[in-house]
C-alpha atoms as a PDB file:
ATOM      1  CA  MET A   1       6.373  -8.753  15.284  1.00  0.00           C
ATOM      2  CA  LEU A   2       4.478 -11.711  13.541  1.00  0.00           C
ATOM      3  CA  GLN A   3       1.992 -10.164  11.189  1.00  0.00           C
ATOM      4  CA  THR A   4      -1.386 -12.559  11.676  1.00  0.00           C
ATOM      5  CA  GLU A   5      -3.948 -10.684   9.399  1.00  0.00           C
ATOM      6  CA  PHE A   6      -3.355  -9.377   6.211  1.00  0.00           C
ATOM      7  CA  SER A   7      -6.042  -6.819   3.957  1.00  0.00           C
ATOM      8  CA  PHE A   8      -7.039  -7.632  -0.058  1.00  0.00           C
ATOM      9  CA  THR A   9      -9.488  -6.426  -2.343  1.00  0.00           C
ATOM     10  CA  LEU A  10     -11.027  -8.976  -4.525  1.00  0.00           C
ATOM     11  CA  PRO A  11     -10.939  -8.865  -8.476  1.00  0.00           C
ATOM     12  CA  CYS A  12     -15.152  -9.028  -8.674  1.00  0.00           C
ATOM     13  CA  GLY A  13     -16.351  -8.547  -5.120  1.00  0.00           C
ATOM     14  CA  TYR A  14     -19.130 -10.249  -3.357  1.00  0.00           C
ATOM     15  CA  VAL A  15     -22.883  -9.159  -4.309  1.00  0.00           C
ATOM     16  CA  ASP A  16     -25.127  -9.624  -1.047  1.00  0.00           C
ATOM     17  CA  ALA A  17     -28.706 -10.009  -0.938  1.00  0.00           C
ATOM     18  CA  ARG A  18     -29.250  -6.468  -1.060  1.00  0.00           C
ATOM     19  CA  GLY A  19     -27.210  -6.142  -4.161  1.00  0.00           C
ATOM     20  CA  ASN A  20     -24.151  -4.613  -1.857  1.00  0.00           C
ATOM     21  CA  LEU A  21     -20.767  -5.066  -3.719  1.00  0.00           C
ATOM     22  CA  HIS A  22     -18.080  -6.145  -1.108  1.00  0.00           C
ATOM     23  CA  ARG A  23     -14.409  -6.521  -1.898  1.00  0.00           C
ATOM     24  CA  GLN A  24     -11.980  -5.363   0.461  1.00  0.00           C
ATOM     25  CA  GLY A  25     -11.494  -8.121   3.210  1.00  0.00           C
ATOM     26  CA  THR A  26      -8.971  -8.679   5.620  1.00  0.00           C
ATOM     27  CA  MET A  27      -7.734 -13.124   6.086  1.00  0.00           C
ATOM     28  CA  ARG A  28      -5.839 -14.341   9.135  1.00  0.00           C
ATOM     29  CA  LEU A  29      -3.241 -16.874   9.127  1.00  0.00           C
ATOM     30  CA  ALA A  30      -4.547 -20.140   9.627  1.00  0.00           C
ATOM     31  CA  THR A  31      -4.101 -22.498  12.398  1.00  0.00           C
ATOM     32  CA  ALA A  32      -4.177 -26.126  12.392  1.00  0.00           C
ATOM     33  CA  LEU A  33      -7.457 -26.933  13.729  1.00  0.00           C
ATOM     34  CA  ASP A  34      -8.507 -24.781  10.949  1.00  0.00           C
ATOM     35  CA  GLU A  35      -7.044 -27.116   8.283  1.00  0.00           C
ATOM     36  CA  ILE A  36      -8.074 -30.247  10.284  1.00  0.00           C
ATOM     37  CA  GLU A  37     -11.496 -29.949  11.704  1.00  0.00           C
ATOM     38  CA  PRO A  38     -13.045 -29.574   8.368  1.00  0.00           C
ATOM     39  CA  LEU A  39     -12.366 -32.709   6.832  1.00  0.00           C
ATOM     40  CA  GLN A  40     -14.741 -34.093   9.128  1.00  0.00           C
ATOM     41  CA  ASP A  41     -17.141 -32.242   7.343  1.00  0.00           C
ATOM     42  CA  ALA A  42     -19.583 -34.312   5.485  1.00  0.00           C
ATOM     43  CA  ARG A  43     -19.456 -31.962   2.844  1.00  0.00           C
ATOM     44  CA  VAL A  44     -15.770 -32.399   2.356  1.00  0.00           C
ATOM     45  CA  ARG A  45     -16.406 -36.067   2.391  1.00  0.00           C
ATOM     46  CA  ALA A  46     -18.768 -36.063  -0.496  1.00  0.00           C
ATOM     47  CA  ASN A  47     -16.519 -33.358  -2.396  1.00  0.00           C
ATOM     48  CA  GLU A  48     -13.036 -32.971  -1.277  1.00  0.00           C
ATOM     49  CA  ALA A  49     -13.151 -30.001  -3.436  1.00  0.00           C
ATOM     50  CA  TYR A  50     -15.433 -28.338  -0.505  1.00  0.00           C
ATOM     51  CA  LEU A  51     -12.512 -28.532   1.859  1.00  0.00           C
ATOM     52  CA  THR A  52     -11.492 -24.719   0.156  1.00  0.00           C
ATOM     53  CA  ILE A  53     -14.934 -23.640   1.110  1.00  0.00           C
ATOM     54  CA  LEU A  54     -15.133 -24.775   4.194  1.00  0.00           C
ATOM     55  CA  VAL A  55     -11.108 -23.409   5.058  1.00  0.00           C
ATOM     56  CA  LEU A  56     -11.824 -20.030   3.874  1.00  0.00           C
ATOM     57  CA  SER A  57     -14.713 -19.253   5.553  1.00  0.00           C
ATOM     58  CA  ARG A  58     -12.810 -19.951   8.839  1.00  0.00           C
ATOM     59  CA  VAL A  59      -9.935 -17.666   7.656  1.00  0.00           C
ATOM     60  CA  VAL A  60     -11.562 -14.707   6.071  1.00  0.00           C
ATOM     61  CA  THR A  61     -12.552 -12.446   8.863  1.00  0.00           C
ATOM     62  CA  ARG A  62     -14.059  -9.591   7.050  1.00  0.00           C
ATOM     63  CA  LEU A  63     -15.627  -8.659   3.762  1.00  0.00           C
ATOM     64  CA  GLY A  64     -16.533  -5.381   3.345  1.00  0.00           C
ATOM     65  CA  ASP A  65     -19.084  -4.704   6.364  1.00  0.00           C
ATOM     66  CA  LEU A  66     -19.773  -8.716   6.407  1.00  0.00           C
ATOM     67  CA  GLN A  67     -17.906  -9.984   9.689  1.00  0.00           C
ATOM     68  CA  PRO A  68     -17.777 -12.898   9.952  1.00  0.00           C
ATOM     69  CA  VAL A  69     -17.825 -14.430   6.933  1.00  0.00           C
ATOM     70  CA  ASP A  70     -19.471 -17.866   6.710  1.00  0.00           C
ATOM     71  CA  VAL A  71     -19.865 -20.655   4.602  1.00  0.00           C
ATOM     72  CA  ARG A  72     -22.519 -19.226   2.823  1.00  0.00           C
ATOM     73  CA  VAL A  73     -20.974 -15.876   1.409  1.00  0.00           C
ATOM     74  CA  ILE A  74     -18.038 -17.760   0.326  1.00  0.00           C
ATOM     75  CA  GLU A  75     -20.126 -20.159  -1.756  1.00  0.00           C
ATOM     76  CA  GLY A  76     -21.614 -17.341  -3.514  1.00  0.00           C
ATOM     77  CA  LEU A  77     -17.866 -15.799  -4.264  1.00  0.00           C
ATOM     78  CA  PHE A  78     -17.176 -15.582  -8.160  1.00  0.00           C
ATOM     79  CA  ALA A  79     -14.983 -18.068  -9.124  1.00  0.00           C
ATOM     80  CA  ALA A  80     -12.253 -15.188  -9.890  1.00  0.00           C
ATOM     81  CA  ASP A  81     -12.419 -14.487  -6.667  1.00  0.00           C
ATOM     82  CA  LEU A  82     -12.396 -17.749  -4.910  1.00  0.00           C
ATOM     83  CA  ALA A  83      -9.138 -18.045  -6.942  1.00  0.00           C
ATOM     84  CA  TYR A  84      -7.703 -15.237  -5.641  1.00  0.00           C
ATOM     85  CA  LEU A  85      -8.475 -16.105  -2.250  1.00  0.00           C
ATOM     86  CA  GLN A  86      -6.901 -19.697  -2.177  1.00  0.00           C
ATOM     87  CA  GLN A  87      -3.706 -17.698  -4.042  1.00  0.00           C
ATOM     88  CA  LEU A  88      -3.678 -15.617  -1.321  1.00  0.00           C
ATOM     89  CA  TYR A  89      -3.723 -18.537   1.486  1.00  0.00           C
ATOM     90  CA  VAL A  90      -0.996 -20.486  -0.203  1.00  0.00           C
ATOM     91  CA  GLN A  91       1.010 -17.086   0.337  1.00  0.00           C
ATOM     92  CA  ILE A  92       0.064 -15.787   3.583  1.00  0.00           C
ATOM     93  CA  ASN A  93       0.337 -19.915   4.715  1.00  0.00           C
ATOM     94  CA  GLU A  94       3.534 -21.229   3.233  1.00  0.00           C
ATOM     95  CA  VAL A  95       6.487 -21.471   5.066  1.00  0.00           C
ATOM     96  CA  GLY A  96       9.394 -18.883   3.920  1.00  0.00           C
ATOM     97  CA  THR A  97       6.354 -16.782   2.935  1.00  0.00           C
ATOM     98  CA  THR A  98       7.485 -13.495   0.326  1.00  0.00           C
ATOM     99  CA  LEU A  99       5.204 -11.093   2.659  1.00  0.00           C
ATOM    100  CA  PHE A 100       7.100  -8.682   4.649  1.00  0.00           C
ATOM    101  CA  GLU A 101       6.385  -5.809   7.155  1.00  0.00           C
ATOM    102  CA  THR A 102       7.609  -2.552   6.369  1.00  0.00           C
ATOM    103  CA  GLN A 103       6.741   1.218   6.654  1.00  0.00           C
ATOM    104  CA  CYS A 104       7.230   4.627   4.384  1.00  0.00           C
ATOM    105  CA  PRO A 105      10.011   6.238   6.189  1.00  0.00           C
ATOM    106  CA  ARG A 106       7.973   9.307   4.609  1.00  0.00           C
ATOM    107  CA  CYS A 107       4.611   9.196   6.388  1.00  0.00           C
ATOM    108  CA  GLY A 108       5.373   6.364   8.843  1.00  0.00           C
ATOM    109  CA  LEU A 109       2.175   3.799   6.927  1.00  0.00           C
ATOM    110  CA  ARG A 110       2.726   0.612   7.461  1.00  0.00           C
ATOM    111  CA  PHE A 111       1.968  -2.387   5.002  1.00  0.00           C
ATOM    112  CA  SER A 112       3.402  -5.342   3.618  1.00  0.00           C
ATOM    113  CA  LEU A 113       5.147  -6.167   0.383  1.00  0.00           C
ATOM    114  CA  ASP A 114       4.964  -9.574  -1.559  1.00  0.00           C
ATOM    115  CA  LEU A 115       8.447  -9.728  -2.738  1.00  0.00           C
ATOM    116  CA  THR A 116       8.091 -12.604  -5.471  1.00  0.00           C
ATOM    117  CA  GLU A 117      11.166 -14.668  -7.345  1.00  0.00           C
ATOM    118  CA  GLY A 118      10.419 -11.915 -10.061  1.00  0.00           C
ATOM    119  CA  GLY A 119      11.393  -8.972  -7.950  1.00  0.00           C
ATOM    120  CA  GLU A 120       7.970  -7.513  -8.226  1.00  0.00           C
ATOM    121  CA  ALA A 121       6.467  -5.922  -5.237  1.00  0.00           C
ATOM    122  CA  ASP A 122       3.108  -6.080  -4.712  1.00  0.00           C
ATOM    123  CA  GLU A 123       1.961  -4.058  -2.443  1.00  0.00           C
ATOM    124  CA  ARG A 124      -1.066  -5.279   0.199  1.00  0.00           C
ATOM    125  CA  SER A 125      -2.302  -3.287   3.267  1.00  0.00           C
ATOM    126  CA  ALA A 126      -1.726  -4.713   6.326  1.00  0.00           C
ATOM    127  CA  ARG A 127      -3.956  -4.018   9.427  1.00  0.00           C
ATOM    128  CA  LEU A 128      -1.632  -3.271  12.274  1.00  0.00           C
END
């Protein structure tokens, strides 16, 4: 079964207008349209770096109780959180991903493991 959604926890978190902190979220796999359509946006033509903001606003489907996540939310992230989401995006969308879905043999909990070259595993809860 292909895993299409991945849970994450931001290092800092998004602070909304009411002062609420949102750290847990979900990112889905990107489609071709997610990467192509933002290229037509005038903000991307003016500043190529803005492509990251638009693409992430399309694939981050939940952040705390914010759903859907819009461009303003991604623009308001701390730099560390933006970098984290960029890395996660590349990790889950690149060919030959190191993320593997598995299940605990004792309790039956389903989760994803990130198997890096160094052999370390970084657990990421999977939304299954």
